[in-house]
C-alpha atoms as a PDB file:
ATOM      1  CA  MET A   1       0.000   0.000   0.000  1.00  0.00           C
ATOM      2  CA  GLN A   2       1.318   3.435  -0.871  1.00  0.00           C
ATOM      3  CA  ASP A   3       0.468   7.033  -0.013  1.00  0.00           C
ATOM      4  CA  SER A   4      -1.410   8.543  -2.930  1.00  0.00           C
ATOM      5  CA  THR A   5      -1.294  11.930  -4.623  1.00  0.00           C
ATOM      6  CA  ILE A   6      -4.777  11.305  -6.029  1.00  0.00           C
ATOM      7  CA  GLU A   7      -6.907  14.017  -4.502  1.00  0.00           C
ATOM      8  CA  TRP A   8      -9.912  11.892  -3.516  1.00  0.00           C
ATOM      9  CA  THR A   9      -8.033   9.103  -1.713  1.00  0.00           C
ATOM     10  CA  ASP A  10      -5.272   8.553   0.867  1.00  0.00           C
ATOM     11  CA  LYS A  11      -3.688   5.221  -0.111  1.00  0.00           C
ATOM     12  CA  THR A  12      -3.567   2.810  -3.016  1.00  0.00           C
ATOM     13  CA  TRP A  13      -3.769  -0.974  -2.693  1.00  0.00           C
ATOM     14  CA  ASN A  14      -2.948  -3.301  -5.580  1.00  0.00           C
ATOM     15  CA  PRO A  15      -3.623  -7.006  -4.974  1.00  0.00           C
ATOM     16  CA  VAL A  16      -3.844  -7.210  -8.791  1.00  0.00           C
ATOM     17  CA  ARG A  17      -1.447  -5.654 -11.300  1.00  0.00           C
ATOM     18  CA  GLY A  18      -1.895  -4.977 -14.980  1.00  0.00           C
ATOM     19  CA  CYS A  19      -4.823  -4.618 -17.336  1.00  0.00           C
ATOM     20  CA  ASP A  20      -5.719  -4.034 -21.002  1.00  0.00           C
ATOM     21  CA  GLU A  21      -7.691  -1.443 -22.925  1.00  0.00           C
ATOM     22  CA  ILE A  22     -11.477  -1.606 -22.942  1.00  0.00           C
ATOM     23  CA  GLY A  23     -12.578   1.873 -24.016  1.00  0.00           C
ATOM     24  CA  PRO A  24     -11.458   5.387 -25.032  1.00  0.00           C
ATOM     25  CA  GLY A  25     -10.743   6.309 -21.423  1.00  0.00           C
ATOM     26  CA  CYS A  26      -7.846   3.829 -21.501  1.00  0.00           C
ATOM     27  CA  LYS A  27      -6.017   5.469 -24.413  1.00  0.00           C
ATOM     28  CA  ASN A  28      -3.460   7.365 -22.314  1.00  0.00           C
ATOM     29  CA  CYS A  29      -3.528   5.133 -19.233  1.00  0.00           C
ATOM     30  CA  TYR A  30      -1.174   6.453 -16.544  1.00  0.00           C
ATOM     31  CA  ALA A  31      -0.902   3.008 -14.927  1.00  0.00           C
ATOM     32  CA  LYS A  32       0.244   1.335 -18.142  1.00  0.00           C
ATOM     33  CA  THR A  33       2.767   4.080 -18.804  1.00  0.00           C
ATOM     34  CA  PHE A  34       4.242   3.657 -15.329  1.00  0.00           C
ATOM     35  CA  ALA A  35       4.279  -0.153 -15.357  1.00  0.00           C
ATOM     36  CA  GLU A  36       5.904  -0.508 -18.772  1.00  0.00           C
ATOM     37  CA  ARG A  37       8.869   1.600 -17.662  1.00  0.00           C
ATOM     38  CA  TRP A  38       9.896  -1.300 -15.444  1.00  0.00           C
ATOM     39  CA  ARG A  39       9.335  -4.192 -17.825  1.00  0.00           C
ATOM     40  CA  GLY A  40      12.313  -6.528 -17.692  1.00  0.00           C
ATOM     41  CA  VAL A  41      13.786  -5.037 -14.514  1.00  0.00           C
ATOM     42  CA  PRO A  42      14.541  -8.088 -12.304  1.00  0.00           C
ATOM     43  CA  GLY A  43      12.802  -8.063  -8.943  1.00  0.00           C
ATOM     44  CA  HIS A  44      10.647  -5.014  -9.636  1.00  0.00           C
ATOM     45  CA  ALA A  45       6.918  -5.274  -8.905  1.00  0.00           C
ATOM     46  CA  TYR A  46       6.313  -4.507 -12.587  1.00  0.00           C
ATOM     47  CA  GLU A  47       9.014  -6.715 -14.041  1.00  0.00           C
ATOM     48  CA  GLN A  48       6.278  -8.078 -16.336  1.00  0.00           C
ATOM     49  CA  GLY A  49       5.176  -4.579 -17.271  1.00  0.00           C
ATOM     50  CA  PHE A  50       1.408  -4.164 -17.461  1.00  0.00           C
ATOM     51  CA  ASP A  51       0.658  -7.860 -17.982  1.00  0.00           C
ATOM     52  CA  LEU A  52      -2.235  -8.987 -15.791  1.00  0.00           C
ATOM     53  CA  ARG A  53      -1.046 -10.710 -12.606  1.00  0.00           C
ATOM     54  CA  ILE A  54      -2.368 -11.270  -9.108  1.00  0.00           C
ATOM     55  CA  ALA A  55      -0.258 -10.181  -6.119  1.00  0.00           C
ATOM     56  CA  PRO A  56      -1.222 -12.382  -3.145  1.00  0.00           C
ATOM     57  CA  ASP A  57       1.570 -10.918  -1.017  1.00  0.00           C
ATOM     58  CA  LYS A  58      -0.470  -7.697  -1.048  1.00  0.00           C
ATOM     59  CA  LEU A  59      -3.761  -9.335  -0.114  1.00  0.00           C
ATOM     60  CA  VAL A  60      -3.928  -8.338   3.572  1.00  0.00           C
ATOM     61  CA  GLU A  61      -2.232  -4.929   3.376  1.00  0.00           C
ATOM     62  CA  PRO A  62      -5.289  -2.948   4.558  1.00  0.00           C
ATOM     63  CA  LEU A  63      -5.366  -5.025   7.738  1.00  0.00           C
ATOM     64  CA  ARG A  64      -1.878  -3.830   8.676  1.00  0.00           C
ATOM     65  CA  TRP A  65      -2.940  -0.180   8.806  1.00  0.00           C
ATOM     66  CA  LYS A  66      -4.330   0.940  12.146  1.00  0.00           C
ATOM     67  CA  ASN A  67      -5.524   4.449  11.260  1.00  0.00           C
ATOM     68  CA  ARG A  68      -8.590   5.032   9.128  1.00  0.00           C
ATOM     69  CA  GLN A  69      -7.761   5.588   5.462  1.00  0.00           C
ATOM     70  CA  ARG A  70      -9.542   6.070   2.159  1.00  0.00           C
ATOM     71  CA  ILE A  71      -8.029   3.308   0.022  1.00  0.00           C
ATOM     72  CA  PHE A  72      -8.215   3.177  -3.771  1.00  0.00           C
ATOM     73  CA  VAL A  73      -8.476  -0.519  -4.656  1.00  0.00           C
ATOM     74  CA  ASN A  74      -6.443  -1.599  -7.699  1.00  0.00           C
ATOM     75  CA  SER A  75      -5.248   1.759  -8.946  1.00  0.00           C
ATOM     76  CA  MET A  76      -2.980  -0.272 -11.267  1.00  0.00           C
ATOM     77  CA  SER A  77      -5.589  -2.735 -12.528  1.00  0.00           C
ATOM     78  CA  ASP A  78      -9.320  -3.500 -12.679  1.00  0.00           C
ATOM     79  CA  LEU A  79     -10.762  -5.789 -10.009  1.00  0.00           C
ATOM     80  CA  PHE A  80     -13.424  -7.126 -12.371  1.00  0.00           C
ATOM     81  CA  HIS A  81     -11.202  -7.968 -15.329  1.00  0.00           C
ATOM     82  CA  LYS A  82     -12.580 -11.137 -16.931  1.00  0.00           C
ATOM     83  CA  ASP A  83      -9.321 -13.049 -16.362  1.00  0.00           C
ATOM     84  CA  ILE A  84      -9.141 -12.542 -12.600  1.00  0.00           C
ATOM     85  CA  PRO A  85     -10.358 -15.723 -10.862  1.00  0.00           C
ATOM     86  CA  LEU A  86     -13.658 -15.404  -9.048  1.00  0.00           C
ATOM     87  CA  ALA A  87     -12.174 -16.948  -5.900  1.00  0.00           C
ATOM     88  CA  TYR A  88      -9.447 -14.290  -5.802  1.00  0.00           C
ATOM     89  CA  ILE A  89     -12.010 -11.493  -6.161  1.00  0.00           C
ATOM     90  CA  GLN A  90     -13.937 -13.071  -3.293  1.00  0.00           C
ATOM     91  CA  ASP A  91     -10.785 -13.094  -1.150  1.00  0.00           C
ATOM     92  CA  ILE A  92     -10.200  -9.411  -1.874  1.00  0.00           C
ATOM     93  CA  ALA A  93     -13.816  -8.626  -0.972  1.00  0.00           C
ATOM     94  CA  GLN A  94     -13.465 -10.512   2.306  1.00  0.00           C
ATOM     95  CA  VAL A  95     -10.382  -8.465   3.190  1.00  0.00           C
ATOM     96  CA  MET A  96     -12.267  -5.253   2.413  1.00  0.00           C
ATOM     97  CA  GLN A  97     -15.089  -6.303   4.711  1.00  0.00           C
ATOM     98  CA  ALA A  98     -12.664  -7.313   7.462  1.00  0.00           C
ATOM     99  CA  ALA A  99     -10.872  -3.944   7.221  1.00  0.00           C
ATOM    100  CA  GLN A 100     -14.106  -2.203   8.109  1.00  0.00           C
ATOM    101  CA  TRP A 101     -12.498   0.863   9.717  1.00  0.00           C
ATOM    102  CA  HIS A 102     -11.084   1.816   6.298  1.00  0.00           C
ATOM    103  CA  THR A 103     -13.061   3.180   3.354  1.00  0.00           C
ATOM    104  CA  LEU A 104     -12.356   1.043   0.276  1.00  0.00           C
ATOM    105  CA  GLN A 105     -12.886   2.777  -3.070  1.00  0.00           C
ATOM    106  CA  VAL A 106     -13.426   0.417  -6.009  1.00  0.00           C
ATOM    107  CA  LEU A 107     -13.536   1.605  -9.634  1.00  0.00           C
ATOM    108  CA  THR A 108     -14.118  -0.511 -12.711  1.00  0.00           C
ATOM    109  CA  LYS A 109     -14.739  -0.285 -16.423  1.00  0.00           C
ATOM    110  CA  ARG A 110     -15.919  -3.933 -16.358  1.00  0.00           C
ATOM    111  CA  SER A 111     -19.282  -2.911 -14.947  1.00  0.00           C
ATOM    112  CA  SER A 112     -21.233  -5.887 -16.264  1.00  0.00           C
ATOM    113  CA  ARG A 113     -19.171  -8.390 -14.276  1.00  0.00           C
ATOM    114  CA  MET A 114     -19.287  -6.186 -11.185  1.00  0.00           C
ATOM    115  CA  ARG A 115     -23.089  -5.982 -11.409  1.00  0.00           C
ATOM    116  CA  THR A 116     -23.350  -9.764 -11.698  1.00  0.00           C
ATOM    117  CA  LEU A 117     -21.108 -10.431  -8.710  1.00  0.00           C
ATOM    118  CA  LEU A 118     -22.554  -7.719  -6.456  1.00  0.00           C
ATOM    119  CA  ASN A 119     -25.982  -9.183  -7.065  1.00  0.00           C
ATOM    120  CA  GLY A 120     -24.617 -12.673  -6.406  1.00  0.00           C
ATOM    121  CA  SER A 121     -21.629 -14.024  -4.502  1.00  0.00           C
ATOM    122  CA  LEU A 122     -20.413 -10.565  -3.397  1.00  0.00           C
ATOM    123  CA  GLN A 123     -23.747  -9.423  -2.002  1.00  0.00           C
ATOM    124  CA  GLY A 124     -22.346  -9.181   1.520  1.00  0.00           C
ATOM    125  CA  ALA A 125     -19.530  -6.922   0.372  1.00  0.00           C
ATOM    126  CA  ALA A 126     -21.962  -4.902  -1.738  1.00  0.00           C
ATOM    127  CA  GLU A 127     -23.947  -4.050   1.372  1.00  0.00           C
ATOM    128  CA  ALA A 128     -20.911  -3.052   3.454  1.00  0.00           C
ATOM    129  CA  PRO A 129     -21.002   0.657   4.415  1.00  0.00           C
ATOM    130  CA  ASN A 130     -17.204   0.977   4.184  1.00  0.00           C
ATOM    131  CA  ILE A 131     -16.936  -0.055   0.514  1.00  0.00           C
ATOM    132  CA  TRP A 132     -17.671   2.325  -2.355  1.00  0.00           C
ATOM    133  CA  TRP A 133     -18.528   0.590  -5.636  1.00  0.00           C
ATOM    134  CA  GLY A 134     -17.885   2.786  -8.644  1.00  0.00           C
ATOM    135  CA  VAL A 135     -17.525   2.945 -12.403  1.00  0.00           C
ATOM    136  CA  SER A 136     -15.448   5.106 -14.721  1.00  0.00           C
ATOM    137  CA  VAL A 137     -17.376   7.348 -17.096  1.00  0.00           C
ATOM    138  CA  GLU A 138     -15.567   9.071 -19.966  1.00  0.00           C
ATOM    139  CA  ASP A 139     -18.276   9.540 -22.615  1.00  0.00           C
ATOM    140  CA  ARG A 140     -21.905   8.784 -23.426  1.00  0.00           C
ATOM    141  CA  LYS A 141     -21.372   5.594 -25.448  1.00  0.00           C
ATOM    142  CA  HIS A 142     -19.265   3.665 -22.927  1.00  0.00           C
ATOM    143  CA  GLY A 143     -19.624   5.501 -19.643  1.00  0.00           C
ATOM    144  CA  LEU A 144     -23.377   5.901 -19.384  1.00  0.00           C
ATOM    145  CA  GLN A 145     -23.857   2.184 -19.985  1.00  0.00           C
ATOM    146  CA  ARG A 146     -21.563   1.499 -17.035  1.00  0.00           C
ATOM    147  CA  LEU A 147     -23.645   3.890 -14.940  1.00  0.00           C
ATOM    148  CA  GLN A 148     -26.721   1.857 -15.758  1.00  0.00           C
ATOM    149  CA  HIS A 149     -24.943  -1.377 -14.776  1.00  0.00           C
ATOM    150  CA  LEU A 150     -23.935   0.215 -11.483  1.00  0.00           C
ATOM    151  CA  ARG A 151     -27.501   1.228 -10.772  1.00  0.00           C
ATOM    152  CA  GLU A 152     -28.592  -2.357 -11.508  1.00  0.00           C
ATOM    153  CA  ALA A 153     -26.227  -3.603  -8.773  1.00  0.00           C
ATOM    154  CA  THR A 154     -29.169  -3.359  -6.431  1.00  0.00           C
ATOM    155  CA  HIS A 155     -27.361  -4.538  -3.304  1.00  0.00           C
ATOM    156  CA  ALA A 156     -24.592  -1.911  -3.544  1.00  0.00           C
ATOM    157  CA  ARG A 157     -24.937   0.403  -0.561  1.00  0.00           C
ATOM    158  CA  VAL A 158     -22.509   3.102  -1.755  1.00  0.00           C
ATOM    159  CA  ARG A 159     -22.281   3.822  -5.494  1.00  0.00           C
ATOM    160  CA  TRP A 160     -20.024   6.461  -7.013  1.00  0.00           C
ATOM    161  CA  LEU A 161     -18.806   7.741 -10.374  1.00  0.00           C
ATOM    162  CA  SER A 162     -15.334   8.743 -11.521  1.00  0.00           C
ATOM    163  CA  ILE A 163     -16.013  10.904 -14.569  1.00  0.00           C
ATOM    164  CA  GLU A 164     -12.388  11.089 -15.664  1.00  0.00           C
ATOM    165  CA  PRO A 165     -11.097  11.674 -18.218  1.00  0.00           C
ATOM    166  CA  LEU A 166     -14.215  13.571 -19.272  1.00  0.00           C
ATOM    167  CA  LEU A 167     -14.052  13.471 -23.081  1.00  0.00           C
ATOM    168  CA  GLU A 168     -17.387  14.995 -24.089  1.00  0.00           C
ATOM    169  CA  ASP A 169     -20.588  16.549 -22.800  1.00  0.00           C
ATOM    170  CA  LEU A 170     -22.600  13.785 -21.117  1.00  0.00           C
ATOM    171  CA  GLY A 171     -25.948  15.506 -21.534  1.00  0.00           C
ATOM    172  CA  GLU A 172     -28.628  14.798 -18.952  1.00  0.00           C
ATOM    173  CA  ILE A 173     -27.706  12.108 -16.389  1.00  0.00           C
ATOM    174  CA  ASP A 174     -29.948  10.172 -14.034  1.00  0.00           C
ATOM    175  CA  LEU A 175     -28.035  10.179 -10.734  1.00  0.00           C
ATOM    176  CA  GLU A 176     -30.670   8.369  -8.697  1.00  0.00           C
ATOM    177  CA  GLY A 177     -28.956   6.028  -6.234  1.00  0.00           C
ATOM    178  CA  ILE A 178     -25.514   7.589  -6.773  1.00  0.00           C
ATOM    179  CA  SER A 179     -23.688   8.622  -3.593  1.00  0.00           C
ATOM    180  CA  GLY A 180     -20.968  10.793  -5.118  1.00  0.00           C
ATOM    181  CA  VAL A 181     -19.415  12.052  -8.352  1.00  0.00           C
ATOM    182  CA  VAL A 182     -15.772  12.881  -9.129  1.00  0.00           C
ATOM    183  CA  VAL A 183     -14.977  14.861 -12.284  1.00  0.00           C
ATOM    184  CA  GLY A 184     -11.581  15.469 -13.845  1.00  0.00           C
ATOM    185  CA  GLY A 185      -9.772  16.174 -17.076  1.00  0.00           C
ATOM    186  CA  GLU A 186      -7.051  14.037 -18.598  1.00  0.00           C
ATOM    187  CA  SER A 187      -3.451  14.920 -17.757  1.00  0.00           C
ATOM    188  CA  GLY A 188      -0.118  14.170 -19.393  1.00  0.00           C
ATOM    189  CA  PRO A 189       1.693  14.993 -22.646  1.00  0.00           C
ATOM    190  CA  ARG A 190      -1.117  13.601 -24.841  1.00  0.00           C
ATOM    191  CA  ALA A 191      -4.022  14.852 -22.740  1.00  0.00           C
ATOM    192  CA  ARG A 192      -7.297  15.382 -24.558  1.00  0.00           C
ATOM    193  CA  PRO A 193      -8.922  18.717 -23.650  1.00  0.00           C
ATOM    194  CA  MET A 194     -11.953  19.037 -21.378  1.00  0.00           C
ATOM    195  CA  GLN A 195     -14.401  21.917 -21.856  1.00  0.00           C
ATOM    196  CA  GLU A 196     -15.653  23.913 -18.872  1.00  0.00           C
ATOM    197  CA  GLU A 197     -19.283  23.706 -20.018  1.00  0.00           C
ATOM    198  CA  TRP A 198     -19.126  19.900 -19.769  1.00  0.00           C
ATOM    199  CA  VAL A 199     -18.057  20.199 -16.132  1.00  0.00           C
ATOM    200  CA  GLN A 200     -20.620  22.871 -15.310  1.00  0.00           C
ATOM    201  CA  ASN A 201     -23.350  20.650 -16.742  1.00  0.00           C
ATOM    202  CA  ILE A 202     -22.436  17.822 -14.356  1.00  0.00           C
ATOM    203  CA  LEU A 203     -22.086  20.189 -11.400  1.00  0.00           C
ATOM    204  CA  ARG A 204     -25.546  21.621 -12.061  1.00  0.00           C
ATOM    205  CA  GLN A 205     -27.130  18.173 -12.145  1.00  0.00           C
ATOM    206  CA  CYS A 206     -25.324  17.052  -8.982  1.00  0.00           C
ATOM    207  CA  GLU A 207     -26.600  20.125  -7.156  1.00  0.00           C
ATOM    208  CA  GLU A 208     -30.137  19.647  -8.487  1.00  0.00           C
ATOM    209  CA  GLN A 209     -30.152  15.955  -7.536  1.00  0.00           C
ATOM    210  CA  HIS A 210     -28.331  16.509  -4.209  1.00  0.00           C
ATOM    211  CA  VAL A 211     -25.329  14.344  -5.080  1.00  0.00           C
ATOM    212  CA  PRO A 212     -21.877  15.150  -3.575  1.00  0.00           C
ATOM    213  CA  PHE A 213     -19.563  16.662  -6.210  1.00  0.00           C
ATOM    214  CA  PHE A 214     -15.755  16.478  -6.190  1.00  0.00           C
ATOM    215  CA  PHE A 215     -13.741  18.342  -8.833  1.00  0.00           C
ATOM    216  CA  LYS A 216     -10.377  16.638  -9.169  1.00  0.00           C
ATOM    217  CA  GLN A 217      -8.497  18.601 -11.834  1.00  0.00           C
ATOM    218  CA  TRP A 218      -8.591  20.460 -15.141  1.00  0.00           C
ATOM    219  CA  GLY A 219      -5.720  18.306 -16.353  1.00  0.00           C
ATOM    220  CA  GLY A 220      -3.711  19.123 -19.458  1.00  0.00           C
ATOM    221  CA  LYS A 221       0.024  18.839 -19.991  1.00  0.00           C
ATOM    222  CA  ASN A 222       0.713  20.546 -16.660  1.00  0.00           C
ATOM    223  CA  LYS A 223      -2.073  19.716 -14.213  1.00  0.00           C
ATOM    224  CA  LYS A 224      -0.407  21.615 -11.380  1.00  0.00           C
ATOM    225  CA  LYS A 225      -0.586  24.793 -13.461  1.00  0.00           C
ATOM    226  CA  THR A 226      -4.230  24.352 -14.447  1.00  0.00           C
ATOM    227  CA  GLY A 227      -5.164  23.363 -10.882  1.00  0.00           C
ATOM    228  CA  ARG A 228      -8.502  22.149  -9.585  1.00  0.00           C
ATOM    229  CA  ARG A 229     -10.536  25.261  -8.861  1.00  0.00           C
ATOM    230  CA  LEU A 230     -13.952  25.554 -10.456  1.00  0.00           C
ATOM    231  CA  ASN A 231     -15.980  28.746 -10.180  1.00  0.00           C
ATOM    232  CA  GLY A 232     -13.126  30.126  -8.091  1.00  0.00           C
ATOM    233  CA  LYS A 233     -13.327  27.478  -5.389  1.00  0.00           C
ATOM    234  CA  LEU A 234     -12.576  23.843  -4.518  1.00  0.00           C
ATOM    235  CA  TYR A 235     -15.272  21.183  -4.619  1.00  0.00           C
ATOM    236  CA  ASN A 236     -14.381  18.351  -2.221  1.00  0.00           C
ATOM    237  CA  GLU A 237     -17.710  16.677  -1.448  1.00  0.00           C
ATOM    238  CA  GLN A 238     -17.668  12.887  -1.093  1.00  0.00           C
ATOM    239  CA  PRO A 239     -19.901  10.065   0.183  1.00  0.00           C
ATOM    240  CA  PRO A 240     -19.652   9.261   3.910  1.00  0.00           C
ATOM    241  CA  THR A 241     -16.545   7.335   4.927  1.00  0.00           C
ATOM    242  CA  SER A 242     -16.533   4.216   7.102  1.00  0.00           C
ATOM    243  CA  PRO A 243     -18.570   4.544  10.312  1.00  0.00           C
ATOM    244  CA  PHE A 244     -16.357   2.043  12.156  1.00  0.00           C
ATOM    245  CA  THR A 245     -13.453   2.734  14.514  1.00  0.00           C
ATOM    246  CA  PRO A 246      -9.987   1.113  14.248  1.00  0.00           C
ATOM    247  CA  ILE A 247      -9.333  -2.107  16.126  1.00  0.00           C
ATOM    248  CA  SER A 248      -6.381  -3.164  18.276  1.00  0.00           C
ATOM    249  CA  TYR A 249      -3.062  -4.491  16.988  1.00  0.00           C
ATOM    250  CA  LYS A 250      -3.880  -7.952  18.362  1.00  0.00           C
ATOM    251  CA  ASP A 251      -7.250  -8.048  16.629  1.00  0.00           C
ATOM    252  CA  ARG A 252      -5.654  -6.972  13.349  1.00  0.00           C
ATOM    253  CA  GLN A 253      -3.043  -9.713  13.668  1.00  0.00           C
ATOM    254  CA  ASP A 254      -5.775 -12.269  14.329  1.00  0.00           C
ATOM    255  CA  LEU A 255      -7.547 -11.163  11.160  1.00  0.00           C
ATOM    256  CA  ILE A 256      -4.340 -11.446   9.140  1.00  0.00           C
ATOM    257  CA  LYS A 257      -3.780 -14.996  10.396  1.00  0.00           C
ATOM    258  CA  GLN A 258      -7.189 -15.991   9.056  1.00  0.00           C
ATOM    259  CA  PHE A 259      -6.083 -15.080   5.532  1.00  0.00           C
ATOM    260  CA  ILE A 260      -2.674 -16.785   5.619  1.00  0.00           C
ATOM    261  CA  PRO A 261      -4.016 -20.030   4.042  1.00  0.00           C
ATOM    262  CA  ARG A 262      -5.476 -18.016   1.175  1.00  0.00           C
ATOM    263  CA  ILE A 263      -2.203 -16.158   0.607  1.00  0.00           C
ATOM    264  CA  GLU A 264      -0.283 -19.444   0.559  1.00  0.00           C
ATOM    265  CA  TYR A 265      -2.840 -20.940  -1.808  1.00  0.00           C
ATOM    266  CA  TRP A 266      -2.401 -18.141  -4.348  1.00  0.00           C
ATOM    267  CA  LYS A 267       1.395 -17.993  -4.181  1.00  0.00           C
ATOM    268  CA  GLY A 268       2.842 -19.650  -7.237  1.00  0.00           C
ATOM    269  CA  ARG A 269      -0.399 -19.008  -9.099  1.00  0.00           C
ATOM    270  CA  THR A 270       0.309 -15.407 -10.038  1.00  0.00           C
ATOM    271  CA  ASP A 271       0.716 -15.980 -13.790  1.00  0.00           C
ATOM    272  CA  LEU A 272      -2.819 -16.097 -15.098  1.00  0.00           C
ATOM    273  CA  GLU A 273      -1.725 -17.297 -18.533  1.00  0.00           C
ATOM    274  CA  ASP A 274      -0.107 -20.378 -17.006  1.00  0.00           C
ATOM    275  CA  LEU A 275      -3.281 -21.111 -15.041  1.00  0.00           C
ATOM    276  CA  VAL A 276      -5.326 -21.156 -18.249  1.00  0.00           C
ATOM    277  CA  PHE A 277      -7.798 -18.656 -16.791  1.00  0.00           C
ATOM    278  CA  ARG A 278      -8.377 -17.122 -20.208  1.00  0.00           C
ATOM    279  CA  LYS A 279     -11.651 -18.952 -20.754  1.00  0.00           C
ATOM    280  CA  PRO A 280     -15.277 -17.896 -21.129  1.00  0.00           C
ATOM    281  CA  GLU A 281     -16.765 -16.104 -18.131  1.00  0.00           C
ATOM    282  CA  GLU A 282     -18.912 -19.036 -17.028  1.00  0.00           C
ATOM    283  CA  LYS A 283     -15.956 -21.424 -16.953  1.00  0.00           C
ATOM    284  CA  LEU A 284     -13.816 -18.841 -15.166  1.00  0.00           C
ATOM    285  CA  GLN A 285     -16.333 -18.540 -12.337  1.00  0.00           C
ATOM    286  CA  GLU A 286     -16.631 -22.327 -12.139  1.00  0.00           C
ATOM    287  CA  LEU A 287     -12.859 -22.667 -11.781  1.00  0.00           C
ATOM    288  CA  GLY A 288     -12.761 -19.994  -9.104  1.00  0.00           C
ATOM    289  CA  THR A 289     -15.508 -21.634  -7.073  1.00  0.00           C
ATOM    290  CA  GLU A 290     -13.859 -25.063  -7.311  1.00  0.00           C
ATOM    291  CA  ARG A 291     -10.527 -23.698  -6.099  1.00  0.00           C
ATOM    292  CA  LEU A 292     -12.151 -21.869  -3.201  1.00  0.00           C
ATOM    293  CA  SER A 293     -13.973 -25.037  -2.120  1.00  0.00           C
ATOM    294  CA  ALA A 294     -10.840 -27.141  -2.437  1.00  0.00           C
ATOM    295  CA  ALA A 295      -8.828 -24.706  -0.344  1.00  0.00           C
ATOM    296  CA  SER A 296     -11.499 -24.760   2.369  1.00  0.00           C
ATOM    297  CA  ARG A 297     -11.409 -28.565   2.510  1.00  0.00           C
ATOM    298  CA  ASP A 298      -7.612 -28.505   2.824  1.00  0.00           C
ATOM    299  CA  LYS A 299      -7.605 -26.278   5.917  1.00  0.00           C
END
């Protein structure tokens, strides 16, 4: 887990690394750019670049942190990527529920799989007040469909949107059931411009529909220069954070011990290609469930 410079969070946690493009919002992915710098460097966390891999040694990191934090889950991947085993996603969800004094912030572009799981095997995690379930929204064609999937995750207690990079005017948006909205422009040398009227349109609708609004940045080639003020002020509204208080060191250690068998199970299984997980979604979930059951019997 690392301290984060992302304005709406405190820490990042990456029990999965790597991803691949799924929409226009991925074109200038900061995570891919960072990871590929280290491809081939022996011993580095991103020795395999941005190839999809699980990181079981990171599984219980939130349980090691005593003080309450907002934690961005998988800033360097997508928790609901089709090639991540169902059983591993379930383990991550169980850690998030156990670390109830933290606020876990999940974002995905694979909203269909998230909807399915939150309405199914992850229902308990969906209902947890310390977990925010969110989708990325960059345009009308891709992003608004994800918003609809999020709304259809009927068990999700906290739903949020990361509208970044905002690539076009989204028009009128139904924000019913949404607990918070973050808006930001793309940054970096190839940043695509964001128009102020697009942002003002979202702000107006958030205010009309009483949804917390957080303006992250204007972006551009030099995001520090363009800043994050809108209408001459900062917008920092967010959904409520976890209502729970931190627990003792002993209790945290006891929780960690409960996950040791799962960490040991996943070690040596980090290369998803070798595990032949690249199969249709139904088979993937079947494999994940079988492995979870087998591990439980072996305890």
